[in-house]
Amino acid sequence: MGVSALPKYKLTGQENIKVDGIISKYDKSRSSIIPVLQQIQDTVGFLPLDVQRKVAEGIGVPEKDVYGVVTFYSFFTMIPRGKYNIRVCMGTACFVKGGKQITDNIRKGLQIEPGQTTPDRAYSLQVNRCVGACGIAPVIIINDKVYKKVDPDTVMDIVNSLQ
């Protein structure tokens, strides 16, 4: 996905205050790039271009260096994740036992595609190749909680219970 295709999400005023506070705690140095980005992503949930510009200015490095780090490491994201990050395993065992139907039901229920986040940033949906839980397939992971032997017909009950 190119930069121009990124969804346009604005940080709230409170999020901007938190970002500024994080940046101010670090030295003006290239070695601050990764820890600053990690802490901001942990706080805000993603690293939009505006935040990357703030980081670059705040720690005194070129914007291209910050952008290069964000796009190089897979654990950084420029797309916001929701409060509830739903990951559906699509490894062989999960797929055979209903992973595709689980994904389809969540997709329809939340009206988003894998890789997207609801406009209110409550939910995001991701599809993973394998999460290494074949013995309890099919599996979904919401934030850090693993749900085992998920029934495709009742998966939205799990999602709706989060609110």
C-alpha atoms as a PDB file:
ATOM      1  CA  MET A   1       0.000   0.000   0.000  1.00  0.00           C
ATOM      2  CA  GLY A   2       1.435   3.350  -1.026  1.00  0.00           C
ATOM      3  CA  VAL A   3       1.498   6.383   1.214  1.00  0.00           C
ATOM      4  CA  SER A   4      -1.311   8.060  -0.739  1.00  0.00           C
ATOM      5  CA  ALA A   5      -3.535   5.000  -0.205  1.00  0.00           C
ATOM      6  CA  LEU A   6      -3.216   5.084   3.594  1.00  0.00           C
ATOM      7  CA  PRO A   7      -6.479   5.788   5.399  1.00  0.00           C
ATOM      8  CA  LYS A   8      -6.713   9.300   6.776  1.00  0.00           C
ATOM      9  CA  TYR A   9      -7.039   9.139  10.548  1.00  0.00           C
ATOM     10  CA  LYS A  10      -6.501  12.140  12.772  1.00  0.00           C
ATOM     11  CA  LEU A  11      -5.175  11.780  16.295  1.00  0.00           C
ATOM     12  CA  THR A  12      -7.300  13.238  19.060  1.00  0.00           C
ATOM     13  CA  GLY A  13      -6.028  16.184  21.064  1.00  0.00           C
ATOM     14  CA  GLN A  14      -5.288  13.877  23.987  1.00  0.00           C
ATOM     15  CA  GLU A  15      -3.336  11.500  21.728  1.00  0.00           C
ATOM     16  CA  ASN A  16      -1.266  14.411  20.392  1.00  0.00           C
ATOM     17  CA  ILE A  17      -0.435  15.485  23.954  1.00  0.00           C
ATOM     18  CA  LYS A  18       0.704  11.932  24.777  1.00  0.00           C
ATOM     19  CA  VAL A  19       2.837  11.750  21.620  1.00  0.00           C
ATOM     20  CA  ASP A  20       4.521  15.062  22.430  1.00  0.00           C
ATOM     21  CA  GLY A  21       5.196  13.859  25.969  1.00  0.00           C
ATOM     22  CA  ILE A  22       6.806  10.643  24.750  1.00  0.00           C
ATOM     23  CA  ILE A  23       9.050  12.427  22.253  1.00  0.00           C
ATOM     24  CA  SER A  24      10.197  14.932  24.861  1.00  0.00           C
ATOM     25  CA  LYS A  25      11.566  12.136  27.080  1.00  0.00           C
ATOM     26  CA  TYR A  26      14.148  11.014  24.520  1.00  0.00           C
ATOM     27  CA  ASP A  27      17.533  12.323  23.398  1.00  0.00           C
ATOM     28  CA  LYS A  28      17.919  13.986  20.026  1.00  0.00           C
ATOM     29  CA  SER A  29      19.601  10.979  18.464  1.00  0.00           C
ATOM     30  CA  ARG A  30      19.122   8.308  15.801  1.00  0.00           C
ATOM     31  CA  SER A  31      19.259   5.718  18.583  1.00  0.00           C
ATOM     32  CA  SER A  32      15.952   7.121  19.901  1.00  0.00           C
ATOM     33  CA  ILE A  33      13.971   6.279  16.746  1.00  0.00           C
ATOM     34  CA  ILE A  34      12.889   2.729  17.614  1.00  0.00           C
ATOM     35  CA  PRO A  35      12.111   3.217  21.321  1.00  0.00           C
ATOM     36  CA  VAL A  36      10.123   6.400  20.594  1.00  0.00           C
ATOM     37  CA  LEU A  37       8.152   4.687  17.838  1.00  0.00           C
ATOM     38  CA  GLN A  38       7.488   1.637  20.019  1.00  0.00           C
ATOM     39  CA  GLN A  39       6.193   3.714  22.906  1.00  0.00           C
ATOM     40  CA  ILE A  40       4.021   5.859  20.642  1.00  0.00           C
ATOM     41  CA  GLN A  41       2.563   2.811  18.888  1.00  0.00           C
ATOM     42  CA  ASP A  42       1.865   1.181  22.268  1.00  0.00           C
ATOM     43  CA  THR A  43       0.048   4.356  23.318  1.00  0.00           C
ATOM     44  CA  VAL A  44      -1.756   5.382  20.132  1.00  0.00           C
ATOM     45  CA  GLY A  45      -1.937   2.074  18.267  1.00  0.00           C
ATOM     46  CA  PHE A  46      -0.295   3.147  15.003  1.00  0.00           C
ATOM     47  CA  LEU A  47       2.214   5.555  13.447  1.00  0.00           C
ATOM     48  CA  PRO A  48       0.578   7.909  10.934  1.00  0.00           C
ATOM     49  CA  LEU A  49       2.771  10.137   8.785  1.00  0.00           C
ATOM     50  CA  ASP A  50       2.019  13.205  10.923  1.00  0.00           C
ATOM     51  CA  VAL A  51       3.380  11.395  13.981  1.00  0.00           C
ATOM     52  CA  GLN A  52       6.456  10.262  12.060  1.00  0.00           C
ATOM     53  CA  ARG A  53       7.124  13.897  11.121  1.00  0.00           C
ATOM     54  CA  LYS A  54       6.782  14.930  14.780  1.00  0.00           C
ATOM     55  CA  VAL A  55       9.191  12.186  15.832  1.00  0.00           C
ATOM     56  CA  ALA A  56      11.747  13.228  13.217  1.00  0.00           C
ATOM     57  CA  GLU A  57      11.559  16.865  14.259  1.00  0.00           C
ATOM     58  CA  GLY A  58      11.534  16.043  17.969  1.00  0.00           C
ATOM     59  CA  ILE A  59      14.625  13.827  17.944  1.00  0.00           C
ATOM     60  CA  GLY A  60      16.459  15.725  15.209  1.00  0.00           C
ATOM     61  CA  VAL A  61      16.620  13.128  12.426  1.00  0.00           C
ATOM     62  CA  PRO A  62      15.441  13.241   8.795  1.00  0.00           C
ATOM     63  CA  GLU A  63      11.815  12.203   8.188  1.00  0.00           C
ATOM     64  CA  LYS A  64      13.023   9.590   5.693  1.00  0.00           C
ATOM     65  CA  ASP A  65      14.946   7.814   8.464  1.00  0.00           C
ATOM     66  CA  VAL A  66      11.850   7.523  10.662  1.00  0.00           C
ATOM     67  CA  TYR A  67       9.715   6.410   7.699  1.00  0.00           C
ATOM     68  CA  GLY A  68      12.388   3.864   6.733  1.00  0.00           C
ATOM     69  CA  VAL A  69      12.287   2.299  10.205  1.00  0.00           C
ATOM     70  CA  VAL A  70       8.463   2.202  10.260  1.00  0.00           C
ATOM     71  CA  THR A  71       8.259   0.516   6.861  1.00  0.00           C
ATOM     72  CA  PHE A  72      11.177  -1.873   7.464  1.00  0.00           C
ATOM     73  CA  TYR A  73      10.013  -3.477  10.711  1.00  0.00           C
ATOM     74  CA  SER A  74       6.812  -5.503  10.447  1.00  0.00           C
ATOM     75  CA  PHE A  75       5.771  -4.791  14.028  1.00  0.00           C
ATOM     76  CA  PHE A  76       5.209  -1.117  13.185  1.00  0.00           C
ATOM     77  CA  THR A  77       2.008  -0.094  11.443  1.00  0.00           C
ATOM     78  CA  MET A  78       0.783   3.087   9.774  1.00  0.00           C
ATOM     79  CA  ILE A  79      -2.786   1.800   9.832  1.00  0.00           C
ATOM     80  CA  PRO A  80      -4.592   2.177  13.131  1.00  0.00           C
ATOM     81  CA  ARG A  81      -5.544  -0.912  15.009  1.00  0.00           C
ATOM     82  CA  GLY A  82      -8.747  -0.918  16.938  1.00  0.00           C
ATOM     83  CA  LYS A  83      -9.176  -1.123  20.664  1.00  0.00           C
ATOM     84  CA  TYR A  84      -9.929  -4.772  19.948  1.00  0.00           C
ATOM     85  CA  ASN A  85      -7.441  -6.238  17.481  1.00  0.00           C
ATOM     86  CA  ILE A  86      -9.000  -9.424  16.123  1.00  0.00           C
ATOM     87  CA  ARG A  87      -6.654 -11.900  14.462  1.00  0.00           C
ATOM     88  CA  VAL A  88      -8.077 -14.939  12.717  1.00  0.00           C
ATOM     89  CA  CYS A  89      -5.760 -17.885  12.165  1.00  0.00           C
ATOM     90  CA  MET A  90      -5.870 -19.198   8.612  1.00  0.00           C
ATOM     91  CA  GLY A  91      -3.248 -21.909   8.982  1.00  0.00           C
ATOM     92  CA  THR A  92      -4.179 -25.277   7.515  1.00  0.00           C
ATOM     93  CA  ALA A  93      -5.874 -26.705  10.625  1.00  0.00           C
ATOM     94  CA  CYS A  94      -7.829 -23.516  11.319  1.00  0.00           C
ATOM     95  CA  PHE A  95      -8.772 -23.073   7.668  1.00  0.00           C
ATOM     96  CA  VAL A  96     -10.081 -26.641   7.371  1.00  0.00           C
ATOM     97  CA  LYS A  97     -12.079 -26.264  10.596  1.00  0.00           C
ATOM     98  CA  GLY A  98     -13.805 -23.012   9.622  1.00  0.00           C
ATOM     99  CA  GLY A  99     -11.243 -20.183   9.562  1.00  0.00           C
ATOM    100  CA  LYS A 100     -12.583 -18.738   6.313  1.00  0.00           C
ATOM    101  CA  GLN A 101     -16.171 -18.757   7.587  1.00  0.00           C
ATOM    102  CA  ILE A 102     -15.015 -17.118  10.832  1.00  0.00           C
ATOM    103  CA  THR A 103     -13.274 -14.384   8.832  1.00  0.00           C
ATOM    104  CA  ASP A 104     -16.310 -13.918   6.581  1.00  0.00           C
ATOM    105  CA  ASN A 105     -18.691 -13.650   9.540  1.00  0.00           C
ATOM    106  CA  ILE A 106     -16.520 -11.084  11.324  1.00  0.00           C
ATOM    107  CA  ARG A 107     -16.010  -9.188   8.077  1.00  0.00           C
ATOM    108  CA  LYS A 108     -19.760  -9.002   7.490  1.00  0.00           C
ATOM    109  CA  GLY A 109     -20.578  -8.282  11.126  1.00  0.00           C
ATOM    110  CA  LEU A 110     -18.123  -5.397  11.457  1.00  0.00           C
ATOM    111  CA  GLN A 111     -18.364  -4.277   7.817  1.00  0.00           C
ATOM    112  CA  ILE A 112     -14.591  -4.205   7.365  1.00  0.00           C
ATOM    113  CA  GLU A 113     -12.118  -6.222   5.353  1.00  0.00           C
ATOM    114  CA  PRO A 114      -9.017  -7.920   6.750  1.00  0.00           C
ATOM    115  CA  GLY A 115      -6.361  -5.276   7.314  1.00  0.00           C
ATOM    116  CA  GLN A 116      -8.935  -2.600   8.095  1.00  0.00           C
ATOM    117  CA  THR A 117     -10.202  -0.925  11.238  1.00  0.00           C
ATOM    118  CA  THR A 118     -13.735   0.240  11.945  1.00  0.00           C
ATOM    119  CA  PRO A 119     -14.169   4.029  11.579  1.00  0.00           C
ATOM    120  CA  ASP A 120     -14.620   4.391  15.361  1.00  0.00           C
ATOM    121  CA  ARG A 121     -11.325   2.501  15.880  1.00  0.00           C
ATOM    122  CA  ALA A 122     -13.080  -0.038  18.095  1.00  0.00           C
ATOM    123  CA  TYR A 123     -12.154  -3.129  16.035  1.00  0.00           C
ATOM    124  CA  SER A 124      -9.540  -4.189  13.548  1.00  0.00           C
ATOM    125  CA  LEU A 125      -9.437  -7.436  11.641  1.00  0.00           C
ATOM    126  CA  GLN A 126      -6.317  -9.278  10.607  1.00  0.00           C
ATOM    127  CA  VAL A 127      -5.762 -12.662   9.046  1.00  0.00           C
ATOM    128  CA  ASN A 128      -2.666 -14.583  10.122  1.00  0.00           C
ATOM    129  CA  ARG A 129      -1.151 -17.525   8.278  1.00  0.00           C
ATOM    130  CA  CYS A 130      -0.658 -19.589  11.426  1.00  0.00           C
ATOM    131  CA  VAL A 131      -0.539 -18.799  15.126  1.00  0.00           C
ATOM    132  CA  GLY A 132       0.795 -22.215  16.160  1.00  0.00           C
ATOM    133  CA  ALA A 133      -2.340 -23.415  17.930  1.00  0.00           C
ATOM    134  CA  CYS A 134      -3.354 -26.230  15.588  1.00  0.00           C
ATOM    135  CA  GLY A 135      -4.481 -28.525  18.414  1.00  0.00           C
ATOM    136  CA  ILE A 136      -7.230 -26.105  19.435  1.00  0.00           C
ATOM    137  CA  ALA A 137      -8.272 -24.968  15.948  1.00  0.00           C
ATOM    138  CA  PRO A 138      -9.988 -22.890  14.785  1.00  0.00           C
ATOM    139  CA  VAL A 139      -8.491 -20.033  16.757  1.00  0.00           C
ATOM    140  CA  ILE A 140      -8.994 -16.292  16.973  1.00  0.00           C
ATOM    141  CA  ILE A 141      -6.910 -13.971  19.096  1.00  0.00           C
ATOM    142  CA  ILE A 142      -8.395 -10.741  20.371  1.00  0.00           C
ATOM    143  CA  ASN A 143      -5.657  -8.517  21.728  1.00  0.00           C
ATOM    144  CA  ASP A 144      -3.743 -11.083  23.803  1.00  0.00           C
ATOM    145  CA  LYS A 145      -6.589 -13.502  24.558  1.00  0.00           C
ATOM    146  CA  VAL A 146      -6.786 -16.768  22.597  1.00  0.00           C
ATOM    147  CA  TYR A 147     -10.234 -18.179  21.818  1.00  0.00           C
ATOM    148  CA  LYS A 148     -10.091 -21.883  20.983  1.00  0.00           C
ATOM    149  CA  LYS A 149     -12.356 -24.129  18.905  1.00  0.00           C
ATOM    150  CA  VAL A 150     -14.347 -21.122  17.721  1.00  0.00           C
ATOM    151  CA  ASP A 151     -17.695 -21.848  16.103  1.00  0.00           C
ATOM    152  CA  PRO A 152     -18.086 -19.746  12.932  1.00  0.00           C
ATOM    153  CA  ASP A 153     -21.810 -19.338  13.648  1.00  0.00           C
ATOM    154  CA  THR A 154     -21.231 -17.814  17.098  1.00  0.00           C
ATOM    155  CA  VAL A 155     -18.000 -15.857  16.525  1.00  0.00           C
ATOM    156  CA  MET A 156     -19.894 -12.556  16.466  1.00  0.00           C
ATOM    157  CA  ASP A 157     -21.218 -13.352  19.969  1.00  0.00           C
ATOM    158  CA  ILE A 158     -17.574 -13.292  21.122  1.00  0.00           C
ATOM    159  CA  VAL A 159     -16.908 -10.038  19.282  1.00  0.00           C
ATOM    160  CA  ASN A 160     -20.098  -8.377  20.555  1.00  0.00           C
ATOM    161  CA  SER A 161     -19.310  -9.400  24.147  1.00  0.00           C
ATOM    162  CA  LEU A 162     -16.235  -7.142  24.086  1.00  0.00           C
ATOM    163  CA  GLN A 163     -18.158  -3.897  24.254  1.00  0.00           C
END
